[in-house]
Amino acid sequence: MSEHAIEFLRGWIGEKVHCQSQARIDKQAETLARECAAKAAEVGIPLEDIQEEVGDIQELIASRLEEAAEADEHQHAASKAAE
């Protein structure tokens, strides 16, 4: 995968992937994967280039959403413990 495609994907995920409730992760991942593919195409990056490096972008985005949700849960637990 080209450096351009890698940079695009990292930036896009950093901008779009935010903490979601566990119940919304799958739907949000599906929506964001479609948006990512469309934006990549707009800037001339074939989806195949991204998938060659990371596999299924929907799964990658879901993973990042889950990580964000878990980090948020840990942060809330730590805040409550400090009270």
PDB file of N, CA and C in Angstrom:
ATOM      1  N   MET A   1       0.857  -1.171   0.000  1.00  0.00           N
ATOM      2  CA  MET A   1       0.000   0.000   0.000  1.00  0.00           C
ATOM      3  C   MET A   1       0.897   1.227   0.000  1.00  0.00           C
ATOM      4  N   SER A   2       0.468   2.224  -0.695  1.00  0.00           N
ATOM      5  CA  SER A   2       1.265   3.443  -0.795  1.00  0.00           C
ATOM      6  C   SER A   2       1.248   4.218   0.520  1.00  0.00           C
ATOM      7  N   GLU A   3       2.294   4.997   0.739  1.00  0.00           N
ATOM      8  CA  GLU A   3       2.361   5.864   1.915  1.00  0.00           C
ATOM      9  C   GLU A   3       1.172   6.818   1.939  1.00  0.00           C
ATOM     10  N   HIS A   4       0.773   7.279   0.759  1.00  0.00           N
ATOM     11  CA  HIS A   4      -0.364   8.199   0.653  1.00  0.00           C
ATOM     12  C   HIS A   4      -1.631   7.536   1.194  1.00  0.00           C
ATOM     13  N   ALA A   5      -1.850   6.281   0.843  1.00  0.00           N
ATOM     14  CA  ALA A   5      -3.035   5.561   1.313  1.00  0.00           C
ATOM     15  C   ALA A   5      -2.975   5.344   2.820  1.00  0.00           C
ATOM     16  N   ILE A   6      -1.803   4.999   3.340  1.00  0.00           N
ATOM     17  CA  ILE A   6      -1.648   4.789   4.782  1.00  0.00           C
ATOM     18  C   ILE A   6      -1.922   6.088   5.541  1.00  0.00           C
ATOM     19  N   GLU A   7      -1.331   7.176   5.084  1.00  0.00           N
ATOM     20  CA  GLU A   7      -1.543   8.472   5.731  1.00  0.00           C
ATOM     21  C   GLU A   7      -3.012   8.874   5.684  1.00  0.00           C
ATOM     22  N   PHE A   8      -3.644   8.654   4.537  1.00  0.00           N
ATOM     23  CA  PHE A   8      -5.063   8.977   4.415  1.00  0.00           C
ATOM     24  C   PHE A   8      -5.877   8.207   5.452  1.00  0.00           C
ATOM     25  N   LEU A   9      -5.668   6.891   5.521  1.00  0.00           N
ATOM     26  CA  LEU A   9      -6.459   6.052   6.425  1.00  0.00           C
ATOM     27  C   LEU A   9      -6.236   6.449   7.879  1.00  0.00           C
ATOM     28  N   ARG A  10      -5.013   6.658   8.281  1.00  0.00           N
ATOM     29  CA  ARG A  10      -4.728   7.067   9.669  1.00  0.00           C
ATOM     30  C   ARG A  10      -5.418   8.382  10.004  1.00  0.00           C
ATOM     31  N   GLY A  11      -5.297   9.353   9.135  1.00  0.00           N
ATOM     32  CA  GLY A  11      -5.921  10.646   9.372  1.00  0.00           C
ATOM     33  C   GLY A  11      -7.431  10.564   9.404  1.00  0.00           C
ATOM     34  N   TRP A  12      -7.991   9.811   8.479  1.00  0.00           N
ATOM     35  CA  TRP A  12      -9.442   9.700   8.395  1.00  0.00           C
ATOM     36  C   TRP A  12      -9.991   9.026   9.647  1.00  0.00           C
ATOM     37  N   ILE A  13      -9.375   7.928  10.062  1.00  0.00           N
ATOM     38  CA  ILE A  13      -9.846   7.226  11.259  1.00  0.00           C
ATOM     39  C   ILE A  13      -9.708   8.128  12.484  1.00  0.00           C
ATOM     40  N   GLY A  14      -8.594   8.825  12.607  1.00  0.00           N
ATOM     41  CA  GLY A  14      -8.403   9.727  13.740  1.00  0.00           C
ATOM     42  C   GLY A  14      -9.451  10.821  13.810  1.00  0.00           C
ATOM     43  N   GLU A  15      -9.894  11.270  12.661  1.00  0.00           N
ATOM     44  CA  GLU A  15     -10.895  12.336  12.594  1.00  0.00           C
ATOM     45  C   GLU A  15     -12.310  11.824  12.848  1.00  0.00           C
ATOM     46  N   LYS A  16     -12.631  10.646  12.357  1.00  0.00           N
ATOM     47  CA  LYS A  16     -14.015  10.172  12.354  1.00  0.00           C
ATOM     48  C   LYS A  16     -14.379   9.202  13.473  1.00  0.00           C
ATOM     49  N   VAL A  17     -13.413   8.477  14.003  1.00  0.00           N
ATOM     50  CA  VAL A  17     -13.729   7.421  14.965  1.00  0.00           C
ATOM     51  C   VAL A  17     -13.699   7.994  16.375  1.00  0.00           C
ATOM     52  N   HIS A  18     -14.867   8.016  16.987  1.00  0.00           N
ATOM     53  CA  HIS A  18     -15.023   8.524  18.345  1.00  0.00           C
ATOM     54  C   HIS A  18     -15.772   7.491  19.171  1.00  0.00           C
ATOM     55  N   CYS A  19     -15.729   7.664  20.461  1.00  0.00           N
ATOM     56  CA  CYS A  19     -16.365   6.722  21.376  1.00  0.00           C
ATOM     57  C   CYS A  19     -17.861   6.593  21.073  1.00  0.00           C
ATOM     58  N   GLN A  20     -18.299   5.360  20.977  1.00  0.00           N
ATOM     59  CA  GLN A  20     -19.712   5.039  20.773  1.00  0.00           C
ATOM     60  C   GLN A  20     -20.120   4.016  21.823  1.00  0.00           C
ATOM     61  N   SER A  21     -21.408   3.924  22.091  1.00  0.00           N
ATOM     62  CA  SER A  21     -21.871   2.864  22.976  1.00  0.00           C
ATOM     63  C   SER A  21     -21.654   1.531  22.269  1.00  0.00           C
ATOM     64  N   GLN A  22     -21.434   0.486  23.035  1.00  0.00           N
ATOM     65  CA  GLN A  22     -21.190  -0.834  22.457  1.00  0.00           C
ATOM     66  C   GLN A  22     -22.311  -1.239  21.502  1.00  0.00           C
ATOM     67  N   ALA A  23     -23.539  -0.862  21.815  1.00  0.00           N
ATOM     68  CA  ALA A  23     -24.685  -1.252  20.990  1.00  0.00           C
ATOM     69  C   ALA A  23     -24.649  -0.615  19.601  1.00  0.00           C
ATOM     70  N   ARG A  24     -24.011   0.524  19.464  1.00  0.00           N
ATOM     71  CA  ARG A  24     -24.004   1.249  18.185  1.00  0.00           C
ATOM     72  C   ARG A  24     -22.772   0.971  17.332  1.00  0.00           C
ATOM     73  N   ILE A  25     -21.816   0.249  17.849  1.00  0.00           N
ATOM     74  CA  ILE A  25     -20.534   0.087  17.159  1.00  0.00           C
ATOM     75  C   ILE A  25     -20.682  -0.531  15.776  1.00  0.00           C
ATOM     76  N   ASP A  26     -21.417  -1.632  15.642  1.00  0.00           N
ATOM     77  CA  ASP A  26     -21.524  -2.303  14.343  1.00  0.00           C
ATOM     78  C   ASP A  26     -22.149  -1.401  13.284  1.00  0.00           C
ATOM     79  N   LYS A  27     -23.231  -0.739  13.628  1.00  0.00           N
ATOM     80  CA  LYS A  27     -23.902   0.151  12.674  1.00  0.00           C
ATOM     81  C   LYS A  27     -23.006   1.334  12.323  1.00  0.00           C
ATOM     82  N   GLN A  28     -22.363   1.906  13.318  1.00  0.00           N
ATOM     83  CA  GLN A  28     -21.478   3.041  13.080  1.00  0.00           C
ATOM     84  C   GLN A  28     -20.284   2.619  12.228  1.00  0.00           C
ATOM     85  N   ALA A  29     -19.744   1.431  12.475  1.00  0.00           N
ATOM     86  CA  ALA A  29     -18.611   0.937  11.680  1.00  0.00           C
ATOM     87  C   ALA A  29     -19.011   0.770  10.222  1.00  0.00           C
ATOM     88  N   GLU A  30     -20.204   0.264   9.981  1.00  0.00           N
ATOM     89  CA  GLU A  30     -20.690   0.093   8.608  1.00  0.00           C
ATOM     90  C   GLU A  30     -20.805   1.446   7.906  1.00  0.00           C
ATOM     91  N   THR A  31     -21.394   2.410   8.587  1.00  0.00           N
ATOM     92  CA  THR A  31     -21.558   3.749   8.022  1.00  0.00           C
ATOM     93  C   THR A  31     -20.206   4.403   7.752  1.00  0.00           C
ATOM     94  N   LEU A  32     -19.308   4.321   8.718  1.00  0.00           N
ATOM     95  CA  LEU A  32     -17.996   4.941   8.558  1.00  0.00           C
ATOM     96  C   LEU A  32     -17.169   4.258   7.477  1.00  0.00           C
ATOM     97  N   ALA A  33     -17.304   2.953   7.322  1.00  0.00           N
ATOM     98  CA  ALA A  33     -16.570   2.242   6.267  1.00  0.00           C
ATOM     99  C   ALA A  33     -17.008   2.734   4.891  1.00  0.00           C
ATOM    100  N   ARG A  34     -18.312   2.938   4.717  1.00  0.00           N
ATOM    101  CA  ARG A  34     -18.805   3.477   3.441  1.00  0.00           C
ATOM    102  C   ARG A  34     -18.270   4.887   3.207  1.00  0.00           C
ATOM    103  N   GLU A  35     -18.305   5.718   4.256  1.00  0.00           N
ATOM    104  CA  GLU A  35     -17.793   7.085   4.133  1.00  0.00           C
ATOM    105  C   GLU A  35     -16.305   7.088   3.798  1.00  0.00           C
ATOM    106  N   CYS A  36     -15.551   6.221   4.447  1.00  0.00           N
ATOM    107  CA  CYS A  36     -14.110   6.146   4.215  1.00  0.00           C
ATOM    108  C   CYS A  36     -13.817   5.745   2.773  1.00  0.00           C
ATOM    109  N   ALA A  37     -14.512   4.742   2.282  1.00  0.00           N
ATOM    110  CA  ALA A  37     -14.309   4.284   0.907  1.00  0.00           C
ATOM    111  C   ALA A  37     -14.629   5.398  -0.086  1.00  0.00           C
ATOM    112  N   ALA A  38     -15.706   6.133   0.166  1.00  0.00           N
ATOM    113  CA  ALA A  38     -16.092   7.226  -0.728  1.00  0.00           C
ATOM    114  C   ALA A  38     -15.055   8.348  -0.699  1.00  0.00           C
ATOM    115  N   LYS A  39     -14.598   8.714   0.485  1.00  0.00           N
ATOM    116  CA  LYS A  39     -13.612   9.790   0.603  1.00  0.00           C
ATOM    117  C   LYS A  39     -12.285   9.371  -0.018  1.00  0.00           C
ATOM    118  N   ALA A  40     -11.886   8.124   0.180  1.00  0.00           N
ATOM    119  CA  ALA A  40     -10.645   7.630  -0.431  1.00  0.00           C
ATOM    120  C   ALA A  40     -10.737   7.739  -1.949  1.00  0.00           C
ATOM    121  N   ALA A  41     -11.879   7.351  -2.504  1.00  0.00           N
ATOM    122  CA  ALA A  41     -12.071   7.433  -3.955  1.00  0.00           C
ATOM    123  C   ALA A  41     -11.981   8.880  -4.435  1.00  0.00           C
ATOM    124  N   GLU A  42     -12.552   9.804  -3.647  1.00  0.00           N
ATOM    125  CA  GLU A  42     -12.505  11.231  -4.006  1.00  0.00           C
ATOM    126  C   GLU A  42     -11.078  11.741  -4.136  1.00  0.00           C
ATOM    127  N   VAL A  43     -10.188  11.230  -3.291  1.00  0.00           N
ATOM    128  CA  VAL A  43      -8.800  11.711  -3.310  1.00  0.00           C
ATOM    129  C   VAL A  43      -7.886  10.795  -4.118  1.00  0.00           C
ATOM    130  N   GLY A  44      -8.507   9.867  -4.861  1.00  0.00           N
ATOM    131  CA  GLY A  44      -7.742   9.038  -5.786  1.00  0.00           C
ATOM    132  C   GLY A  44      -7.076   7.815  -5.190  1.00  0.00           C
ATOM    133  N   ILE A  45      -7.561   7.362  -4.034  1.00  0.00           N
ATOM    134  CA  ILE A  45      -6.997   6.162  -3.415  1.00  0.00           C
ATOM    135  C   ILE A  45      -7.992   5.023  -3.599  1.00  0.00           C
ATOM    136  N   PRO A  46      -7.616   4.004  -4.360  1.00  0.00           N
ATOM    137  CA  PRO A  46      -8.520   2.868  -4.542  1.00  0.00           C
ATOM    138  C   PRO A  46      -8.730   2.114  -3.226  1.00  0.00           C
ATOM    139  N   LEU A  47      -9.948   1.703  -2.972  1.00  0.00           N
ATOM    140  CA  LEU A  47     -10.263   0.929  -1.774  1.00  0.00           C
ATOM    141  C   LEU A  47      -9.391  -0.320  -1.701  1.00  0.00           C
ATOM    142  N   GLU A  48      -9.081  -0.886  -2.851  1.00  0.00           N
ATOM    143  CA  GLU A  48      -8.256  -2.095  -2.892  1.00  0.00           C
ATOM    144  C   GLU A  48      -6.881  -1.851  -2.275  1.00  0.00           C
ATOM    145  N   ASP A  49      -6.330  -0.649  -2.458  1.00  0.00           N
ATOM    146  CA  ASP A  49      -5.030  -0.328  -1.861  1.00  0.00           C
ATOM    147  C   ASP A  49      -5.104  -0.368  -0.341  1.00  0.00           C
ATOM    148  N   ILE A  50      -6.187   0.143   0.196  1.00  0.00           N
ATOM    149  CA  ILE A  50      -6.362   0.148   1.649  1.00  0.00           C
ATOM    150  C   ILE A  50      -6.593  -1.272   2.145  1.00  0.00           C
ATOM    151  N   GLN A  51      -7.484  -1.997   1.480  1.00  0.00           N
ATOM    152  CA  GLN A  51      -7.809  -3.352   1.913  1.00  0.00           C
ATOM    153  C   GLN A  51      -6.615  -4.293   1.802  1.00  0.00           C
ATOM    154  N   GLU A  52      -5.742  -4.036   0.852  1.00  0.00           N
ATOM    155  CA  GLU A  52      -4.544  -4.858   0.699  1.00  0.00           C
ATOM    156  C   GLU A  52      -3.690  -4.808   1.966  1.00  0.00           C
ATOM    157  N   GLU A  53      -3.671  -3.652   2.602  1.00  0.00           N
ATOM    158  CA  GLU A  53      -2.849  -3.467   3.797  1.00  0.00           C
ATOM    159  C   GLU A  53      -3.572  -3.860   5.084  1.00  0.00           C
ATOM    160  N   VAL A  54      -4.850  -3.481   5.212  1.00  0.00           N
ATOM    161  CA  VAL A  54      -5.542  -3.649   6.494  1.00  0.00           C
ATOM    162  C   VAL A  54      -6.682  -4.654   6.460  1.00  0.00           C
ATOM    163  N   GLY A  55      -6.999  -5.196   5.320  1.00  0.00           N
ATOM    164  CA  GLY A  55      -8.140  -6.108   5.230  1.00  0.00           C
ATOM    165  C   GLY A  55      -9.439  -5.328   5.173  1.00  0.00           C
ATOM    166  N   ASP A  56     -10.438  -5.854   5.811  1.00  0.00           N
ATOM    167  CA  ASP A  56     -11.774  -5.260   5.806  1.00  0.00           C
ATOM    168  C   ASP A  56     -11.773  -3.968   6.626  1.00  0.00           C
ATOM    169  N   ILE A  57     -12.024  -2.837   5.971  1.00  0.00           N
ATOM    170  CA  ILE A  57     -11.974  -1.570   6.706  1.00  0.00           C
ATOM    171  C   ILE A  57     -13.100  -1.457   7.725  1.00  0.00           C
ATOM    172  N   GLN A  58     -14.232  -2.108   7.473  1.00  0.00           N
ATOM    173  CA  GLN A  58     -15.317  -2.069   8.449  1.00  0.00           C
ATOM    174  C   GLN A  58     -14.881  -2.749   9.743  1.00  0.00           C
ATOM    175  N   GLU A  59     -14.185  -3.869   9.636  1.00  0.00           N
ATOM    176  CA  GLU A  59     -13.690  -4.557  10.830  1.00  0.00           C
ATOM    177  C   GLU A  59     -12.656  -3.706  11.561  1.00  0.00           C
ATOM    178  N   LEU A  60     -11.786  -3.046  10.802  1.00  0.00           N
ATOM    179  CA  LEU A  60     -10.778  -2.177  11.412  1.00  0.00           C
ATOM    180  C   LEU A  60     -11.444  -1.029  12.165  1.00  0.00           C
ATOM    181  N   ILE A  61     -12.421  -0.405  11.549  1.00  0.00           N
ATOM    182  CA  ILE A  61     -13.116   0.716  12.182  1.00  0.00           C
ATOM    183  C   ILE A  61     -13.875   0.234  13.414  1.00  0.00           C
ATOM    184  N   ALA A  62     -14.528  -0.919  13.335  1.00  0.00           N
ATOM    185  CA  ALA A  62     -15.232  -1.472  14.494  1.00  0.00           C
ATOM    186  C   ALA A  62     -14.256  -1.708  15.643  1.00  0.00           C
ATOM    187  N   SER A  63     -13.087  -2.216  15.316  1.00  0.00           N
ATOM    188  CA  SER A  63     -12.063  -2.448  16.333  1.00  0.00           C
ATOM    189  C   SER A  63     -11.657  -1.144  17.009  1.00  0.00           C
ATOM    190  N   ARG A  64     -11.467  -0.105  16.223  1.00  0.00           N
ATOM    191  CA  ARG A  64     -11.087   1.199  16.783  1.00  0.00           C
ATOM    192  C   ARG A  64     -12.217   1.783  17.635  1.00  0.00           C
ATOM    193  N   LEU A  65     -13.457   1.598  17.204  1.00  0.00           N
ATOM    194  CA  LEU A  65     -14.600   2.066  17.995  1.00  0.00           C
ATOM    195  C   LEU A  65     -14.670   1.328  19.327  1.00  0.00           C
ATOM    196  N   GLU A  66     -14.425   0.016  19.300  1.00  0.00           N
ATOM    197  CA  GLU A  66     -14.429  -0.776  20.531  1.00  0.00           C
ATOM    198  C   GLU A  66     -13.320  -0.320  21.471  1.00  0.00           C
ATOM    199  N   GLU A  67     -12.145  -0.056  20.925  1.00  0.00           N
ATOM    200  CA  GLU A  67     -11.032   0.435  21.743  1.00  0.00           C
ATOM    201  C   GLU A  67     -11.389   1.768  22.397  1.00  0.00           C
ATOM    202  N   ALA A  68     -12.023   2.651  21.636  1.00  0.00           N
ATOM    203  CA  ALA A  68     -12.418   3.956  22.174  1.00  0.00           C
ATOM    204  C   ALA A  68     -13.462   3.793  23.276  1.00  0.00           C
ATOM    205  N   ALA A  69     -14.416   2.881  23.085  1.00  0.00           N
ATOM    206  CA  ALA A  69     -15.453   2.642  24.092  1.00  0.00           C
ATOM    207  C   ALA A  69     -14.841   2.067  25.366  1.00  0.00           C
ATOM    208  N   GLU A  70     -13.908   1.122  25.215  1.00  0.00           N
ATOM    209  CA  GLU A  70     -13.252   0.528  26.381  1.00  0.00           C
ATOM    210  C   GLU A  70     -12.419   1.563  27.128  1.00  0.00           C
ATOM    211  N   ALA A  71     -11.707   2.399  26.404  1.00  0.00           N
ATOM    212  CA  ALA A  71     -10.897   3.444  27.039  1.00  0.00           C
ATOM    213  C   ALA A  71     -11.789   4.409  27.807  1.00  0.00           C
ATOM    214  N   ASP A  72     -12.946   4.733  27.232  1.00  0.00           N
ATOM    215  CA  ASP A  72     -13.884   5.629  27.890  1.00  0.00           C
ATOM    216  C   ASP A  72     -14.423   4.993  29.169  1.00  0.00           C
ATOM    217  N   GLU A  73     -14.744   3.692  29.115  1.00  0.00           N
ATOM    218  CA  GLU A  73     -15.234   2.988  30.302  1.00  0.00           C
ATOM    219  C   GLU A  73     -14.178   2.985  31.400  1.00  0.00           C
ATOM    220  N   HIS A  74     -12.916   2.736  31.038  1.00  0.00           N
ATOM    221  CA  HIS A  74     -11.835   2.731  32.021  1.00  0.00           C
ATOM    222  C   HIS A  74     -11.641   4.115  32.631  1.00  0.00           C
ATOM    223  N   GLN A  75     -11.777   5.142  31.803  1.00  0.00           N
ATOM    224  CA  GLN A  75     -11.614   6.505  32.290  1.00  0.00           C
ATOM    225  C   GLN A  75     -12.716   6.849  33.287  1.00  0.00           C
ATOM    226  N   HIS A  76     -13.956   6.443  32.978  1.00  0.00           N
ATOM    227  CA  HIS A  76     -15.066   6.709  33.896  1.00  0.00           C
ATOM    228  C   HIS A  76     -14.872   5.945  35.201  1.00  0.00           C
ATOM    229  N   ALA A  77     -14.414   4.702  35.121  1.00  0.00           N
ATOM    230  CA  ALA A  77     -14.184   3.900  36.319  1.00  0.00           C
ATOM    231  C   ALA A  77     -13.090   4.528  37.178  1.00  0.00           C
ATOM    232  N   ALA A  78     -12.036   5.011  36.552  1.00  0.00           N
ATOM    233  CA  ALA A  78     -10.948   5.648  37.293  1.00  0.00           C
ATOM    234  C   ALA A  78     -11.420   6.942  37.947  1.00  0.00           C
ATOM    235  N   SER A  79     -12.264   7.685  37.263  1.00  0.00           N
ATOM    236  CA  SER A  79     -12.791   8.933  37.818  1.00  0.00           C
ATOM    237  C   SER A  79     -13.651   8.660  39.040  1.00  0.00           C
ATOM    238  N   LYS A  80     -14.484   7.621  38.966  1.00  0.00           N
ATOM    239  CA  LYS A  80     -15.350   7.278  40.097  1.00  0.00           C
ATOM    240  C   LYS A  80     -14.528   6.785  41.276  1.00  0.00           C
ATOM    241  N   ALA A  81     -13.470   6.025  41.005  1.00  0.00           N
ATOM    242  CA  ALA A  81     -12.616   5.508  42.069  1.00  0.00           C
ATOM    243  C   ALA A  81     -11.878   6.640  42.776  1.00  0.00           C
ATOM    244  N   ALA A  82     -11.582   7.701  42.060  1.00  0.00           N
ATOM    245  CA  ALA A  82     -10.856   8.834  42.630  1.00  0.00           C
ATOM    246  C   ALA A  82     -11.752   9.721  43.489  1.00  0.00           C
ATOM    247  N   GLU A  83     -13.055   9.578  43.344  1.00  0.00           N
ATOM    248  CA  GLU A  83     -13.992  10.441  44.096  1.00  0.00           C
ATOM    249  C   GLU A  83     -14.087  10.063  45.535  1.00  0.00           C
TER     250      GLU A  83
END
